[in-house]
């Protein structure tokens, strides 16, 4: 397994690392409190309240929670279906918690997969996601076009016997850029997304359109360019017969000619990475 260099602890990245860890701490804390009968809406509220008690006041997007076959986005056709519902958790049911807090002007966007008790299918999906993390890092370091890397992720999923569920996201994205967000006293949301973060993404989209790159990593032509330096929230999402699993974390891309410094995961001390190490 590839290990991040110590660049992940540089002053410029320290705030992003801290808020990403805060989000994963929240996911683990909320996952430990889930029990039969808890709804997606309640789980999303638990995430919001946990983070607000620790000073979070702004969001790239408010927390999501998906239970059962909704972890594989079964039947999703419109964006409103992503929002939490009254679906209630049952023993053995898989779940995904997804949140994107902004803290100290730094953004994180994370995804945490688990189940209420034993779920062998999701366990297998999680184990097989390790190969996707390694493939993405390797090919970004090779400066392959983002669209080609996306297609290679697709091919790996097919070989593993899974369906690509990140295609269900708007624009089919597997990743998007994140950046610093100007802090305001009042931080409104529109359809669950922070206004300040949306402004930053829109500015990146406009700037990138002029220069031939996109802040969205998708299977479409606008992602047919080499990795753009910056921070990317990457989320490969596997599905198999009504069960889904994913991770989401920040990949750092630089303009360094040193392969190991040209791209690295911001933090290797995350729940899914520790899980893979323990399984080995």
Protein backbone atom coordinates (compact mmCIF):
# COMPACT_ATOMS: atom_id res chain seq x y z
CA UNK A 1 0.00 0.00 0.00
CA UNK A 2 1.33 3.39 -0.95
CA UNK A 3 2.14 5.71 1.93
CA UNK A 4 1.79 9.48 1.76
CA UNK A 5 4.90 11.55 2.06
CA UNK A 6 5.40 13.98 4.91
CA UNK A 7 4.12 16.75 2.60
CA UNK A 8 0.70 15.96 4.03
CA UNK A 9 1.77 17.65 7.26
CA UNK A 10 2.99 20.88 5.62
CA UNK A 11 1.50 24.10 7.05
CA UNK A 12 -0.50 24.71 3.86
CA UNK A 13 -2.21 21.32 4.17
CA UNK A 14 -2.43 20.95 7.94
CA UNK A 15 -5.87 22.59 8.19
CA UNK A 16 -7.34 20.31 5.50
CA UNK A 17 -5.88 17.27 7.24
CA UNK A 18 -7.37 18.35 10.55
CA UNK A 19 -10.88 18.92 9.19
CA UNK A 20 -10.77 15.63 7.27
CA UNK A 21 -9.85 13.80 10.47
CA UNK A 22 -12.58 15.69 12.33
CA UNK A 23 -15.12 14.47 9.76
CA UNK A 24 -13.95 10.87 10.00
CA UNK A 25 -14.01 11.09 13.82
CA UNK A 26 -17.63 12.24 13.47
CA UNK A 27 -18.46 9.33 11.16
CA UNK A 28 -17.00 6.79 13.59
CA UNK A 29 -18.77 8.38 16.56
CA UNK A 30 -22.14 8.44 14.80
CA UNK A 31 -21.69 4.91 13.40
CA UNK A 32 -21.12 3.65 16.95
CA UNK A 33 -24.48 5.15 18.02
CA UNK A 34 -26.56 3.70 15.18
CA UNK A 35 -29.12 1.10 16.17
CA UNK A 36 -32.22 -0.56 14.69
CA UNK A 37 -34.95 1.95 13.95
CA UNK A 38 -32.72 4.99 13.42
CA UNK A 39 -33.68 6.79 10.21
CA UNK A 40 -31.43 8.36 7.59
CA UNK A 41 -32.70 11.79 8.62
CA UNK A 42 -31.79 11.10 12.24
CA UNK A 43 -28.31 9.87 11.27
CA UNK A 44 -27.73 13.00 9.16
CA UNK A 45 -28.85 15.18 12.07
CA UNK A 46 -26.50 13.32 14.43
CA UNK A 47 -23.59 14.19 12.13
CA UNK A 48 -24.61 17.86 11.94
CA UNK A 49 -24.99 18.19 15.69
CA UNK A 50 -21.70 16.40 16.46
CA UNK A 51 -19.77 18.72 14.15
CA UNK A 52 -21.57 21.88 15.26
CA UNK A 53 -20.66 21.11 18.87
CA UNK A 54 -17.05 21.17 17.70
CA UNK A 55 -17.29 24.52 15.96
CA UNK A 56 -18.35 23.70 12.39
CA UNK A 57 -20.57 26.47 10.99
CA UNK A 58 -20.20 26.06 7.23
CA UNK A 59 -20.39 23.17 4.78
CA UNK A 60 -19.47 22.17 1.27
CA UNK A 61 -22.60 20.09 1.68
CA UNK A 62 -24.68 19.07 4.68
CA UNK A 63 -24.39 15.45 5.88
CA UNK A 64 -26.03 12.58 4.03
CA UNK A 65 -26.92 9.08 5.23
CA UNK A 66 -27.93 6.14 3.06
CA UNK A 67 -29.24 2.81 4.37
CA UNK A 68 -29.85 -0.57 2.76
CA UNK A 69 -30.13 -0.63 -1.03
CA UNK A 70 -29.86 3.16 -1.03
CA UNK A 71 -26.12 2.63 -0.38
CA UNK A 72 -25.99 1.40 -4.00
CA UNK A 73 -28.27 4.26 -5.20
CA UNK A 74 -30.83 1.70 -6.34
CA UNK A 75 -33.43 3.43 -8.48
CA UNK A 76 -31.88 6.90 -8.12
CA UNK A 77 -32.96 9.10 -11.01
CA UNK A 78 -33.07 12.67 -9.70
CA UNK A 79 -30.81 14.63 -7.28
CA UNK A 80 -33.52 14.87 -4.59
CA UNK A 81 -33.21 11.11 -4.03
CA UNK A 82 -29.76 11.64 -2.50
CA UNK A 83 -31.18 13.52 0.47
CA UNK A 84 -31.86 11.61 3.72
CA UNK A 85 -35.22 9.86 4.01
CA UNK A 86 -37.25 8.05 6.66
CA UNK A 87 -35.62 4.73 5.71
CA UNK A 88 -34.84 2.98 8.99
CA UNK A 89 -31.83 0.88 9.84
CA UNK A 90 -32.23 -2.86 10.41
CA UNK A 91 -29.80 -5.54 11.68
CA UNK A 92 -27.24 -6.50 9.03
CA UNK A 93 -28.11 -3.49 6.87
CA UNK A 94 -25.29 -1.54 5.18
CA UNK A 95 -25.03 2.21 5.60
CA UNK A 96 -22.94 5.09 4.25
CA UNK A 97 -22.35 8.38 6.07
CA UNK A 98 -21.18 11.28 3.91
CA UNK A 99 -20.34 14.78 5.11
CA UNK A 100 -18.40 17.81 3.91
CA UNK A 101 -17.69 20.30 6.71
CA UNK A 102 -15.75 23.54 6.38
CA UNK A 103 -13.67 24.49 9.43
CA UNK A 104 -11.08 27.22 9.72
CA UNK A 105 -11.61 27.98 6.03
CA UNK A 106 -10.58 24.43 5.02
CA UNK A 107 -12.89 21.90 3.37
CA UNK A 108 -13.17 18.13 3.71
CA UNK A 109 -15.55 15.74 1.99
CA UNK A 110 -15.61 12.19 3.35
CA UNK A 111 -17.54 8.96 2.94
CA UNK A 112 -17.72 6.23 5.58
CA UNK A 113 -19.16 2.77 4.88
CA UNK A 114 -20.33 0.34 7.52
CA UNK A 115 -23.12 -2.02 8.52
CA UNK A 116 -25.27 -2.66 11.56
CA UNK A 117 -23.75 -5.99 12.48
CA UNK A 118 -22.18 -8.39 10.00
CA UNK A 119 -22.59 -7.79 6.27
CA UNK A 120 -20.19 -10.00 4.25
CA UNK A 121 -21.08 -8.37 0.91
CA UNK A 122 -20.15 -4.89 2.07
CA UNK A 123 -17.03 -6.27 3.77
CA UNK A 124 -15.94 -7.67 0.39
CA UNK A 125 -16.69 -4.38 -1.36
CA UNK A 126 -14.63 -2.46 1.18
CA UNK A 127 -11.70 -4.86 0.83
CA UNK A 128 -11.76 -4.51 -2.95
CA UNK A 129 -11.77 -0.70 -2.77
CA UNK A 130 -8.10 -0.78 -1.74
CA UNK A 131 -7.09 -1.62 -5.31
CA UNK A 132 -8.96 1.47 -6.54
CA UNK A 133 -7.12 3.74 -4.11
CA UNK A 134 -3.80 2.37 -5.36
CA UNK A 135 -4.77 2.57 -9.05
CA UNK A 136 -5.95 6.19 -8.78
CA UNK A 137 -2.77 7.35 -7.06
CA UNK A 138 -0.49 5.49 -9.47
CA UNK A 139 -2.16 6.84 -12.61
CA UNK A 140 -2.41 10.41 -11.29
CA UNK A 141 1.35 10.27 -10.68
CA UNK A 142 1.73 9.11 -14.29
CA UNK A 143 -0.21 12.27 -15.33
CA UNK A 144 -2.76 10.22 -17.21
CA UNK A 145 -5.83 12.23 -18.32
CA UNK A 146 -8.54 12.19 -15.67
CA UNK A 147 -11.04 10.74 -18.12
CA UNK A 148 -8.71 7.79 -18.85
CA UNK A 149 -8.18 7.13 -15.14
CA UNK A 150 -11.95 7.14 -14.69
CA UNK A 151 -12.25 4.53 -17.45
CA UNK A 152 -9.54 2.39 -15.81
CA UNK A 153 -11.45 2.52 -12.52
CA UNK A 154 -14.53 1.38 -14.44
CA UNK A 155 -12.62 -1.53 -15.98
CA UNK A 156 -11.28 -2.60 -12.58
CA UNK A 157 -14.82 -2.59 -11.17
CA UNK A 158 -16.01 -4.79 -14.03
CA UNK A 159 -13.15 -7.26 -13.43
CA UNK A 160 -14.12 -7.36 -9.76
CA UNK A 161 -17.75 -8.01 -10.68
CA UNK A 162 -19.18 -4.71 -9.44
CA UNK A 163 -21.23 -1.81 -10.77
CA UNK A 164 -19.99 1.77 -10.86
CA UNK A 165 -22.29 3.73 -8.56
CA UNK A 166 -20.49 7.08 -8.62
CA UNK A 167 -21.93 7.41 -12.13
CA UNK A 168 -25.23 8.14 -10.37
CA UNK A 169 -23.82 11.37 -8.91
CA UNK A 170 -24.44 14.63 -10.81
CA UNK A 171 -22.20 14.64 -13.91
CA UNK A 172 -21.11 11.09 -12.98
CA UNK A 173 -18.18 12.45 -10.98
CA UNK A 174 -15.66 10.30 -9.13
CA UNK A 175 -14.04 13.42 -7.63
CA UNK A 176 -14.19 17.19 -7.41
CA UNK A 177 -11.76 19.91 -6.38
CA UNK A 178 -11.93 21.41 -2.90
CA UNK A 179 -10.27 24.58 -1.71
CA UNK A 180 -10.19 27.18 1.01
CA UNK A 181 -13.47 28.92 1.73
CA UNK A 182 -13.77 32.49 2.91
CA UNK A 183 -15.25 32.48 6.39
CA UNK A 184 -18.40 34.50 6.96
CA UNK A 185 -20.47 35.19 10.06
CA UNK A 186 -23.49 33.85 8.23
CA UNK A 187 -23.03 30.83 5.97
CA UNK A 188 -26.26 29.99 4.09
CA UNK A 189 -26.95 26.78 2.19
CA UNK A 190 -28.81 26.20 -1.06
CA UNK A 191 -30.30 22.73 -1.48
CA UNK A 192 -27.91 21.50 1.23
CA UNK A 193 -24.75 23.01 -0.32
CA UNK A 194 -22.80 25.89 1.20
CA UNK A 195 -23.06 29.09 -0.84
CA UNK A 196 -19.40 30.04 -0.32
CA UNK A 197 -18.20 26.60 -1.45
CA UNK A 198 -20.47 26.66 -4.50
CA UNK A 199 -19.11 30.09 -5.45
CA UNK A 200 -15.56 28.71 -5.29
CA UNK A 201 -16.44 25.67 -7.41
CA UNK A 202 -18.22 27.88 -9.95
CA UNK A 203 -15.21 30.20 -10.15
CA UNK A 204 -12.96 27.17 -10.73
CA UNK A 205 -15.31 25.91 -13.43
CA UNK A 206 -15.26 29.24 -15.23
CA UNK A 207 -11.51 29.63 -14.91
CA UNK A 208 -10.93 26.02 -15.96
CA UNK A 209 -13.22 26.30 -18.97
CA UNK A 210 -11.05 29.11 -20.31
CA UNK A 211 -7.87 27.07 -19.77
CA UNK A 212 -9.16 23.64 -20.81
CA UNK A 213 -9.65 21.89 -17.46
CA UNK A 214 -12.53 21.15 -15.09
CA UNK A 215 -12.88 20.99 -11.29
CA UNK A 216 -15.15 17.95 -11.83
CA UNK A 217 -13.54 14.56 -12.53
CA UNK A 218 -16.03 12.80 -14.76
CA UNK A 219 -16.27 10.34 -17.68
CA UNK A 220 -16.99 13.19 -20.10
CA UNK A 221 -14.86 15.20 -22.51
CA UNK A 222 -14.44 18.16 -20.15
CA UNK A 223 -12.30 15.86 -17.94
CA UNK A 224 -10.03 14.85 -20.81
CA UNK A 225 -6.96 16.59 -19.36
CA UNK A 226 -4.08 15.73 -16.99
CA UNK A 227 -4.63 16.07 -13.22
CA UNK A 228 -4.80 19.70 -12.19
CA UNK A 229 -2.68 20.68 -9.14
CA UNK A 230 -4.82 21.17 -6.06
CA UNK A 231 -6.90 19.14 -3.64
CA UNK A 232 -9.36 16.58 -4.97
CA UNK A 233 -12.05 14.81 -2.92
CA UNK A 234 -12.04 11.34 -4.51
CA UNK A 235 -14.87 8.82 -3.99
CA UNK A 236 -14.90 5.53 -5.91
CA UNK A 237 -18.26 3.90 -5.16
CA UNK A 238 -18.89 0.19 -5.75
CA UNK A 239 -22.27 -1.51 -5.95
CA UNK A 240 -23.33 -5.15 -5.92
CA UNK A 241 -26.96 -6.36 -5.85
CA UNK A 242 -28.35 -3.61 -3.66
CA UNK A 243 -25.28 -3.10 -1.47
CA UNK A 244 -22.89 -0.18 -1.90
CA UNK A 245 -19.60 0.89 -0.36
CA UNK A 246 -17.19 3.74 -0.89
CA UNK A 247 -14.51 5.83 0.72
CA UNK A 248 -13.97 9.52 0.10
CA UNK A 249 -10.82 11.42 0.98
CA UNK A 250 -8.52 14.16 -0.27
CA UNK A 251 -5.89 13.49 -2.91
CA UNK A 252 -3.19 16.16 -3.18
CA UNK A 253 -1.87 16.89 -6.69
CA UNK A 254 1.18 19.13 -7.14
CA UNK A 255 3.38 20.26 -10.04
CA UNK A 256 6.46 18.48 -8.63
CA UNK A 257 8.54 16.33 -10.98
CA UNK A 258 9.24 13.90 -8.15
CA UNK A 259 6.63 11.13 -8.62
CA UNK A 260 6.04 10.65 -4.89
CA UNK A 261 5.64 14.38 -4.37
CA UNK A 262 3.54 14.91 -7.52
CA UNK A 263 0.51 13.24 -5.92
CA UNK A 264 -0.24 11.70 -2.53
CA UNK A 265 -3.16 10.99 -0.26
CA UNK A 266 -3.45 13.71 2.34
CA UNK A 267 -3.65 11.23 5.22
CA UNK A 268 -3.07 7.49 5.53
CA UNK A 269 -4.38 7.28 9.09
CA UNK A 270 -8.04 6.92 8.11
CA UNK A 271 -10.57 4.20 9.05
CA UNK A 272 -10.59 2.35 5.72
CA UNK A 273 -6.78 2.43 5.43
CA UNK A 274 -6.37 1.12 8.98
CA UNK A 275 -8.92 -1.58 8.20
CA UNK A 276 -6.94 -2.79 5.20
CA UNK A 277 -3.73 -2.85 7.24
CA UNK A 278 -5.42 -4.86 10.00
CA UNK A 279 -6.83 -7.37 7.51
CA UNK A 280 -3.33 -7.98 6.18
